[in-house]
């Protein structure tokens, strides 16, 4: 075997290591923020496993990452009593966008019976990479059911991207 093959196998092993950690944590029914912090956050398992330049971006294009995103989306869609979300300070960002996009987001939040803040966080957490979405279609990784609950199946995650999708933002 050549060095490139060994490195790729090593990469695949690390992908599985991160996915295993995510599955184990998910099975304990954590709140979404703890899950994000422990798995995908700055000091999370994925950043530890993919610390070399460009590796995390490569990891974001894998079926394992998509499955983790689906778990995160499922967790984000529910409330956990006694959640620590109140314990972590929040930060405010300002996003400038055309009035028509703002109105579309406002309408979409109303349609989904959620706040603009939650809708925007959900959109930010979604996979925006077309290659990653294509990997779901090709590889049949775990998805989420229509109610947003994570299920290990070949279905794609429900999508908050409306007709006003990310391409227009």
C-alpha atoms as a PDB file:
ATOM      1  CA  UNK A   1       0.000   0.000   0.000  1.00  0.00           C
ATOM      2  CA  UNK A   2       1.154   3.498  -0.730  1.00  0.00           C
ATOM      3  CA  UNK A   3       1.213   6.438   1.711  1.00  0.00           C
ATOM      4  CA  UNK A   4      -1.933   8.028   0.223  1.00  0.00           C
ATOM      5  CA  UNK A   5      -3.904   4.808   0.775  1.00  0.00           C
ATOM      6  CA  UNK A   6      -2.662   4.528   4.357  1.00  0.00           C
ATOM      7  CA  UNK A   7      -3.540   8.175   5.037  1.00  0.00           C
ATOM      8  CA  UNK A   8      -7.026   7.679   3.544  1.00  0.00           C
ATOM      9  CA  UNK A   9      -7.584   4.570   5.662  1.00  0.00           C
ATOM     10  CA  UNK A  10      -6.446   6.516   8.684  1.00  0.00           C
ATOM     11  CA  UNK A  11      -8.888   9.278   7.737  1.00  0.00           C
ATOM     12  CA  UNK A  12     -11.722   6.742   7.414  1.00  0.00           C
ATOM     13  CA  UNK A  13     -10.853   5.272  10.833  1.00  0.00           C
ATOM     14  CA  UNK A  14     -10.942   8.755  12.367  1.00  0.00           C
ATOM     15  CA  UNK A  15     -14.317   9.434  10.716  1.00  0.00           C
ATOM     16  CA  UNK A  16     -15.671   6.283  12.328  1.00  0.00           C
ATOM     17  CA  UNK A  17     -14.125   7.227  15.685  1.00  0.00           C
ATOM     18  CA  UNK A  18     -15.923  10.582  15.668  1.00  0.00           C
ATOM     19  CA  UNK A  19     -19.183   8.984  14.532  1.00  0.00           C
ATOM     20  CA  UNK A  20     -18.914   6.380  17.306  1.00  0.00           C
ATOM     21  CA  UNK A  21     -18.446   9.119  19.895  1.00  0.00           C
ATOM     22  CA  UNK A  22     -21.418  11.009  18.462  1.00  0.00           C
ATOM     23  CA  UNK A  23     -23.646   7.913  18.496  1.00  0.00           C
ATOM     24  CA  UNK A  24     -22.668   7.141  22.085  1.00  0.00           C
ATOM     25  CA  UNK A  25     -23.401  10.689  23.210  1.00  0.00           C
ATOM     26  CA  UNK A  26     -26.640  10.829  21.207  1.00  0.00           C
ATOM     27  CA  UNK A  27     -27.865   7.632  22.869  1.00  0.00           C
ATOM     28  CA  UNK A  28     -27.659   9.457  26.232  1.00  0.00           C
ATOM     29  CA  UNK A  29     -30.230  12.012  25.025  1.00  0.00           C
ATOM     30  CA  UNK A  30     -28.137  15.175  25.483  1.00  0.00           C
ATOM     31  CA  UNK A  31     -29.283  18.713  24.786  1.00  0.00           C
ATOM     32  CA  UNK A  32     -28.208  19.965  21.359  1.00  0.00           C
ATOM     33  CA  UNK A  33     -25.665  22.461  22.626  1.00  0.00           C
ATOM     34  CA  UNK A  34     -23.762  19.912  24.721  1.00  0.00           C
ATOM     35  CA  UNK A  35     -23.757  17.548  21.746  1.00  0.00           C
ATOM     36  CA  UNK A  36     -22.482  20.288  19.444  1.00  0.00           C
ATOM     37  CA  UNK A  37     -19.782  21.388  21.865  1.00  0.00           C
ATOM     38  CA  UNK A  38     -18.528  17.846  22.606  1.00  0.00           C
ATOM     39  CA  UNK A  39     -18.595  16.559  19.031  1.00  0.00           C
ATOM     40  CA  UNK A  40     -18.223  19.501  16.608  1.00  0.00           C
ATOM     41  CA  UNK A  41     -17.151  22.409  18.821  1.00  0.00           C
ATOM     42  CA  UNK A  42     -13.709  24.011  18.925  1.00  0.00           C
ATOM     43  CA  UNK A  43     -12.459  21.484  21.496  1.00  0.00           C
ATOM     44  CA  UNK A  44     -14.767  18.692  20.306  1.00  0.00           C
ATOM     45  CA  UNK A  45     -13.930  15.178  19.188  1.00  0.00           C
ATOM     46  CA  UNK A  46     -14.060  16.037  15.462  1.00  0.00           C
ATOM     47  CA  UNK A  47     -11.659  18.975  15.802  1.00  0.00           C
ATOM     48  CA  UNK A  48      -9.299  16.770  17.826  1.00  0.00           C
ATOM     49  CA  UNK A  49      -9.361  14.019  15.196  1.00  0.00           C
ATOM     50  CA  UNK A  50      -9.070  16.386  12.229  1.00  0.00           C
ATOM     51  CA  UNK A  51      -6.629  19.004  13.463  1.00  0.00           C
ATOM     52  CA  UNK A  52      -4.420  19.214  10.359  1.00  0.00           C
ATOM     53  CA  UNK A  53      -5.144  21.998   7.893  1.00  0.00           C
ATOM     54  CA  UNK A  54      -8.034  21.141   5.598  1.00  0.00           C
ATOM     55  CA  UNK A  55      -8.937  17.869   7.299  1.00  0.00           C
ATOM     56  CA  UNK A  56     -12.037  19.180   9.061  1.00  0.00           C
ATOM     57  CA  UNK A  57     -13.337  20.573   5.772  1.00  0.00           C
ATOM     58  CA  UNK A  58     -12.730  17.164   4.201  1.00  0.00           C
ATOM     59  CA  UNK A  59     -14.545  15.523   7.121  1.00  0.00           C
ATOM     60  CA  UNK A  60     -17.534  17.820   6.507  1.00  0.00           C
ATOM     61  CA  UNK A  61     -17.966  16.130   3.120  1.00  0.00           C
ATOM     62  CA  UNK A  62     -18.319  12.616   4.539  1.00  0.00           C
ATOM     63  CA  UNK A  63     -21.406  10.495   5.198  1.00  0.00           C
ATOM     64  CA  UNK A  64     -20.282  10.300   8.842  1.00  0.00           C
ATOM     65  CA  UNK A  65     -20.484  14.074   9.185  1.00  0.00           C
ATOM     66  CA  UNK A  66     -23.948  14.073   7.622  1.00  0.00           C
ATOM     67  CA  UNK A  67     -25.141  11.510  10.122  1.00  0.00           C
ATOM     68  CA  UNK A  68     -23.774  13.670  12.944  1.00  0.00           C
ATOM     69  CA  UNK A  69     -25.542  16.717  11.445  1.00  0.00           C
ATOM     70  CA  UNK A  70     -28.786  14.749  11.382  1.00  0.00           C
ATOM     71  CA  UNK A  71     -28.353  13.861  15.050  1.00  0.00           C
ATOM     72  CA  UNK A  72     -27.669  17.521  15.845  1.00  0.00           C
ATOM     73  CA  UNK A  73     -30.719  18.671  13.878  1.00  0.00           C
ATOM     74  CA  UNK A  74     -32.866  16.144  15.707  1.00  0.00           C
ATOM     75  CA  UNK A  75     -31.582  17.307  19.098  1.00  0.00           C
ATOM     76  CA  UNK A  76     -31.977  20.969  18.184  1.00  0.00           C
ATOM     77  CA  UNK A  77     -35.642  20.418  17.404  1.00  0.00           C
ATOM     78  CA  UNK A  78     -36.629  19.441  20.930  1.00  0.00           C
ATOM     79  CA  UNK A  79     -36.511  20.851  24.426  1.00  0.00           C
ATOM     80  CA  UNK A  80     -34.732  19.054  27.245  1.00  0.00           C
ATOM     81  CA  UNK A  81     -35.972  19.831  30.768  1.00  0.00           C
ATOM     82  CA  UNK A  82     -33.177  21.301  32.873  1.00  0.00           C
ATOM     83  CA  UNK A  83     -31.136  22.030  29.769  1.00  0.00           C
ATOM     84  CA  UNK A  84     -27.841  23.826  30.285  1.00  0.00           C
ATOM     85  CA  UNK A  85     -28.596  26.133  27.334  1.00  0.00           C
ATOM     86  CA  UNK A  86     -29.293  28.876  29.849  1.00  0.00           C
ATOM     87  CA  UNK A  87     -25.863  28.360  31.417  1.00  0.00           C
ATOM     88  CA  UNK A  88     -23.830  29.201  28.337  1.00  0.00           C
ATOM     89  CA  UNK A  89     -23.586  32.878  27.449  1.00  0.00           C
ATOM     90  CA  UNK A  90     -24.960  33.813  24.074  1.00  0.00           C
ATOM     91  CA  UNK A  91     -23.446  36.145  21.527  1.00  0.00           C
ATOM     92  CA  UNK A  92     -25.235  38.432  19.123  1.00  0.00           C
ATOM     93  CA  UNK A  93     -24.408  38.780  15.452  1.00  0.00           C
ATOM     94  CA  UNK A  94     -25.864  41.180  12.950  1.00  0.00           C
ATOM     95  CA  UNK A  95     -26.635  39.894   9.497  1.00  0.00           C
ATOM     96  CA  UNK A  96     -27.436  42.329   6.741  1.00  0.00           C
ATOM     97  CA  UNK A  97     -29.809  40.936   4.177  1.00  0.00           C
ATOM     98  CA  UNK A  98     -32.277  42.294   1.668  1.00  0.00           C
ATOM     99  CA  UNK A  99     -35.730  43.115   2.994  1.00  0.00           C
ATOM    100  CA  UNK A 100     -37.285  40.477   0.733  1.00  0.00           C
ATOM    101  CA  UNK A 101     -35.083  37.750   2.244  1.00  0.00           C
ATOM    102  CA  UNK A 102     -35.882  38.970   5.767  1.00  0.00           C
ATOM    103  CA  UNK A 103     -39.604  38.846   5.013  1.00  0.00           C
ATOM    104  CA  UNK A 104     -39.236  35.369   3.517  1.00  0.00           C
ATOM    105  CA  UNK A 105     -37.427  34.144   6.642  1.00  0.00           C
ATOM    106  CA  UNK A 106     -40.051  35.735   8.857  1.00  0.00           C
ATOM    107  CA  UNK A 107     -42.786  33.965   6.891  1.00  0.00           C
ATOM    108  CA  UNK A 108     -40.903  30.676   6.981  1.00  0.00           C
ATOM    109  CA  UNK A 109     -40.502  30.943  10.773  1.00  0.00           C
ATOM    110  CA  UNK A 110     -44.235  31.571  11.080  1.00  0.00           C
ATOM    111  CA  UNK A 111     -44.986  28.623   8.780  1.00  0.00           C
ATOM    112  CA  UNK A 112     -42.841  26.364  10.981  1.00  0.00           C
ATOM    113  CA  UNK A 113     -44.292  27.840  14.167  1.00  0.00           C
ATOM    114  CA  UNK A 114     -40.846  28.834  15.419  1.00  0.00           C
ATOM    115  CA  UNK A 115     -38.872  31.991  16.093  1.00  0.00           C
ATOM    116  CA  UNK A 116     -36.633  33.716  13.574  1.00  0.00           C
ATOM    117  CA  UNK A 117     -33.709  33.040  15.906  1.00  0.00           C
ATOM    118  CA  UNK A 118     -34.351  29.296  16.058  1.00  0.00           C
ATOM    119  CA  UNK A 119     -34.944  29.123  12.305  1.00  0.00           C
ATOM    120  CA  UNK A 120     -31.665  30.934  11.594  1.00  0.00           C
ATOM    121  CA  UNK A 121     -29.725  28.740  14.038  1.00  0.00           C
ATOM    122  CA  UNK A 122     -31.216  25.674  12.379  1.00  0.00           C
ATOM    123  CA  UNK A 123     -30.193  26.959   8.965  1.00  0.00           C
ATOM    124  CA  UNK A 124     -26.688  27.729  10.203  1.00  0.00           C
ATOM    125  CA  UNK A 125     -26.321  24.211  11.577  1.00  0.00           C
ATOM    126  CA  UNK A 126     -27.440  22.560   8.354  1.00  0.00           C
ATOM    127  CA  UNK A 127     -25.040  21.174   5.860  1.00  0.00           C
ATOM    128  CA  UNK A 128     -24.627  23.706   3.070  1.00  0.00           C
ATOM    129  CA  UNK A 129     -22.166  21.750   0.998  1.00  0.00           C
ATOM    130  CA  UNK A 130     -23.645  20.398  -2.239  1.00  0.00           C
ATOM    131  CA  UNK A 131     -21.064  17.607  -2.296  1.00  0.00           C
ATOM    132  CA  UNK A 132     -22.203  16.459   1.142  1.00  0.00           C
ATOM    133  CA  UNK A 133     -25.830  16.438   0.035  1.00  0.00           C
ATOM    134  CA  UNK A 134     -24.866  14.424  -3.024  1.00  0.00           C
ATOM    135  CA  UNK A 135     -23.083  11.956  -0.710  1.00  0.00           C
ATOM    136  CA  UNK A 136     -26.376  11.360   1.109  1.00  0.00           C
ATOM    137  CA  UNK A 137     -28.086  10.534  -2.168  1.00  0.00           C
ATOM    138  CA  UNK A 138     -25.239   8.291  -3.334  1.00  0.00           C
ATOM    139  CA  UNK A 139     -24.310   6.635  -0.072  1.00  0.00           C
ATOM    140  CA  UNK A 140     -27.578   6.361   1.795  1.00  0.00           C
ATOM    141  CA  UNK A 141     -26.361   7.604   5.172  1.00  0.00           C
ATOM    142  CA  UNK A 142     -28.560   7.978   8.200  1.00  0.00           C
ATOM    143  CA  UNK A 143     -31.232  10.624   7.996  1.00  0.00           C
ATOM    144  CA  UNK A 144     -34.085  12.026   9.975  1.00  0.00           C
ATOM    145  CA  UNK A 145     -37.766  11.347   9.792  1.00  0.00           C
ATOM    146  CA  UNK A 146     -40.296  14.018   8.880  1.00  0.00           C
ATOM    147  CA  UNK A 147     -40.769  14.983  12.528  1.00  0.00           C
ATOM    148  CA  UNK A 148     -37.069  15.737  12.875  1.00  0.00           C
ATOM    149  CA  UNK A 149     -36.195  12.684  14.976  1.00  0.00           C
ATOM    150  CA  UNK A 150     -32.932  11.029  14.030  1.00  0.00           C
ATOM    151  CA  UNK A 151     -33.339   7.544  12.636  1.00  0.00           C
ATOM    152  CA  UNK A 152     -30.505   5.438  11.207  1.00  0.00           C
ATOM    153  CA  UNK A 153     -31.901   5.027   7.697  1.00  0.00           C
ATOM    154  CA  UNK A 154     -31.205   5.948   4.108  1.00  0.00           C
ATOM    155  CA  UNK A 155     -33.549   8.940   4.078  1.00  0.00           C
ATOM    156  CA  UNK A 156     -32.295  12.499   3.800  1.00  0.00           C
ATOM    157  CA  UNK A 157     -32.833  14.974   6.666  1.00  0.00           C
ATOM    158  CA  UNK A 158     -35.878  17.238   6.621  1.00  0.00           C
ATOM    159  CA  UNK A 159     -34.913  20.534   5.152  1.00  0.00           C
ATOM    160  CA  UNK A 160     -35.732  24.015   6.448  1.00  0.00           C
ATOM    161  CA  UNK A 161     -34.454  25.373   3.161  1.00  0.00           C
ATOM    162  CA  UNK A 162     -37.578  26.739   1.601  1.00  0.00           C
ATOM    163  CA  UNK A 163     -38.138  28.109  -1.845  1.00  0.00           C
ATOM    164  CA  UNK A 164     -36.031  31.006  -0.591  1.00  0.00           C
ATOM    165  CA  UNK A 165     -33.101  28.561  -0.182  1.00  0.00           C
ATOM    166  CA  UNK A 166     -29.487  29.246   0.630  1.00  0.00           C
ATOM    167  CA  UNK A 167     -28.601  29.903  -3.001  1.00  0.00           C
ATOM    168  CA  UNK A 168     -30.470  33.200  -2.854  1.00  0.00           C
ATOM    169  CA  UNK A 169     -28.996  34.301   0.478  1.00  0.00           C
END
